[in-house]
Amino acid sequence: MDDRRKIPRKYLMVYSRVFDRETGKILGYLSDMNQMGAMIISDDPLPEGNVLALRFDLPDPLHFATDHLNMKARVAWCQPDIDPAFYNIGFQFGTVTAEQLKIIEAMVDLYEFRRDIPQYPPSPNSLLDEM
């Protein structure tokens, strides 16, 4: 699946709840997201190809004008997690409005898990090498 991905995944530091808007059932927790789709971690599998009306809870009302994001999405894939009690489910978004795109970009910007290497001061040995 990753070889077909056009936009890299952005893993998030917050696990927002994701609901099926038609049934009100919690489907799982948001793991990653980009402008084209999202992945959730779920207790239950979902059939590939299903189109669902999703509701994503937004983590901090101070950063958003709303407390949720509603999206239609198709189940692109579903596979067991490394922990066999869970499933990873990939969703492909349908049409994304400009307002939804702003929220998605803000989610990624605010909550992306960054693996930046800390900028530590140089070691004393590296300073000797420069002399």
Protein backbone atom coordinates (compact mmCIF):
# COMPACT_ATOMS: atom_id res chain seq x y z
CA MET A 1 0.00 0.00 0.00
CA ASP A 2 2.80 2.47 0.87
CA ASP A 3 4.26 2.31 -2.66
CA ARG A 4 0.99 3.80 -4.01
CA ARG A 5 0.80 6.57 -1.40
CA LYS A 6 1.09 10.01 -3.03
CA ILE A 7 1.22 12.01 0.21
CA PRO A 8 3.22 10.70 3.18
CA ARG A 9 1.42 9.70 6.33
CA LYS A 10 1.56 12.09 9.24
CA TYR A 11 1.47 10.16 12.49
CA LEU A 12 -0.32 12.07 15.22
CA MET A 13 0.49 12.45 18.92
CA VAL A 14 -3.19 12.51 19.88
CA TYR A 15 -5.63 9.68 19.35
CA SER A 16 -8.92 11.39 18.55
CA ARG A 17 -12.05 9.25 18.61
CA VAL A 18 -13.62 8.37 15.26
CA PHE A 19 -17.33 7.58 15.01
CA ASP A 20 -19.70 6.21 12.38
CA ARG A 21 -22.12 9.16 12.13
CA GLU A 22 -25.03 6.96 11.01
CA THR A 23 -24.89 4.54 13.94
CA GLY A 24 -23.11 6.68 16.55
CA LYS A 25 -20.74 3.75 17.19
CA ILE A 26 -17.12 4.54 17.98
CA LEU A 27 -15.03 2.93 15.25
CA GLY A 28 -11.62 3.54 16.77
CA TYR A 29 -8.91 6.11 17.32
CA LEU A 30 -7.14 8.25 14.75
CA SER A 31 -3.53 7.21 14.24
CA ASP A 32 -2.45 9.17 11.18
CA MET A 33 -3.91 11.57 8.68
CA ASN A 34 -3.21 13.54 5.54
CA GLN A 35 -5.28 15.44 2.97
CA MET A 36 -6.33 12.25 1.20
CA GLY A 37 -7.15 9.92 4.04
CA ALA A 38 -6.60 8.60 7.54
CA MET A 39 -5.82 5.46 9.48
CA ILE A 40 -7.57 4.41 12.65
CA ILE A 41 -6.86 1.72 15.20
CA SER A 42 -10.01 -0.27 15.89
CA ASP A 43 -11.27 -3.18 17.97
CA ASP A 44 -13.25 -4.50 14.99
CA PRO A 45 -12.45 -4.99 11.30
CA LEU A 46 -14.38 -3.19 8.55
CA PRO A 47 -15.01 -4.54 5.06
CA GLU A 48 -12.92 -2.94 2.32
CA GLY A 49 -14.91 -0.76 -0.04
CA ASN A 50 -17.54 0.35 2.50
CA VAL A 51 -18.26 4.08 2.37
CA LEU A 52 -18.94 5.59 5.78
CA ALA A 53 -19.91 8.97 7.16
CA LEU A 54 -17.21 9.59 9.76
CA ARG A 55 -16.96 12.00 12.66
CA PHE A 56 -13.49 12.81 13.97
CA ASP A 57 -13.38 14.40 17.43
CA LEU A 58 -10.95 17.32 17.45
CA PRO A 59 -8.62 17.37 20.45
CA ASP A 60 -8.47 21.04 21.43
CA PRO A 61 -11.34 23.49 20.97
CA LEU A 62 -8.93 26.41 21.38
CA HIS A 63 -7.34 25.61 18.01
CA PHE A 64 -10.49 24.87 16.01
CA ALA A 65 -13.81 26.63 15.43
CA THR A 66 -15.59 23.29 15.96
CA ASP A 67 -15.15 20.20 18.13
CA HIS A 68 -15.42 17.68 15.28
CA LEU A 69 -14.71 17.04 11.60
CA ASN A 70 -17.28 15.23 9.47
CA MET A 71 -15.97 13.38 6.39
CA LYS A 72 -17.22 10.71 3.99
CA ALA A 73 -14.58 8.06 3.47
CA ARG A 74 -14.13 4.66 1.83
CA VAL A 75 -12.45 1.79 3.66
CA ALA A 76 -9.34 1.35 1.49
CA TRP A 77 -7.85 -1.50 3.52
CA CYS A 78 -8.14 -3.31 6.83
CA GLN A 79 -5.46 -5.48 8.43
CA PRO A 80 -4.61 -6.87 11.85
CA ASP A 81 -2.44 -4.64 14.01
CA ILE A 82 0.84 -5.88 15.48
CA ASP A 83 -1.33 -6.47 18.56
CA PRO A 84 -3.85 -9.10 17.34
CA ALA A 85 -6.59 -7.58 19.51
CA PHE A 86 -6.75 -4.56 17.16
CA TYR A 87 -7.09 -3.68 13.48
CA ASN A 88 -5.52 -0.92 11.41
CA ILE A 89 -8.05 0.54 8.98
CA GLY A 90 -7.11 2.89 6.16
CA PHE A 91 -9.72 5.34 4.86
CA GLN A 92 -9.66 7.29 1.62
CA PHE A 93 -11.56 10.57 1.86
CA GLY A 94 -14.19 11.52 -0.69
CA THR A 95 -14.48 15.17 -1.64
CA VAL A 96 -12.59 17.41 0.79
CA THR A 97 -13.87 20.97 1.12
CA ALA A 98 -11.58 23.95 1.69
CA GLU A 99 -12.78 24.20 5.31
CA GLN A 100 -12.13 20.48 5.95
CA LEU A 101 -8.69 20.81 4.37
CA LYS A 102 -7.84 23.68 6.74
CA ILE A 103 -8.81 21.52 9.72
CA ILE A 104 -6.81 18.52 8.45
CA GLU A 105 -3.74 20.69 7.84
CA ALA A 106 -4.08 22.25 11.30
CA MET A 107 -4.40 18.78 12.90
CA VAL A 108 -1.23 17.63 11.17
CA ASP A 109 0.64 20.85 11.94
CA LEU A 110 -0.33 20.88 15.63
CA TYR A 111 -0.22 17.18 16.45
CA GLU A 112 2.21 15.50 14.06
CA PHE A 113 4.60 13.17 15.83
CA ARG A 114 7.99 14.63 14.93
CA ARG A 115 11.12 12.56 14.99
CA ASP A 116 13.48 15.51 14.90
CA ILE A 117 17.00 14.93 16.16
CA PRO A 118 17.66 17.27 19.08
CA GLN A 119 20.30 19.94 18.46
CA TYR A 120 22.66 19.16 21.30
CA PRO A 121 25.72 21.31 21.88
CA PRO A 122 28.79 19.93 20.10
CA SER A 123 30.85 17.40 22.00
CA PRO A 124 34.27 18.54 23.24
CA ASN A 125 35.94 15.96 20.96
CA SER A 126 34.29 17.38 17.86
CA LEU A 127 35.64 20.83 18.73
CA LEU A 128 39.18 19.40 18.91
CA ASP A 129 38.77 17.93 15.40
CA GLU A 130 38.06 21.40 14.02
CA MET A 131 41.38 22.82 15.31
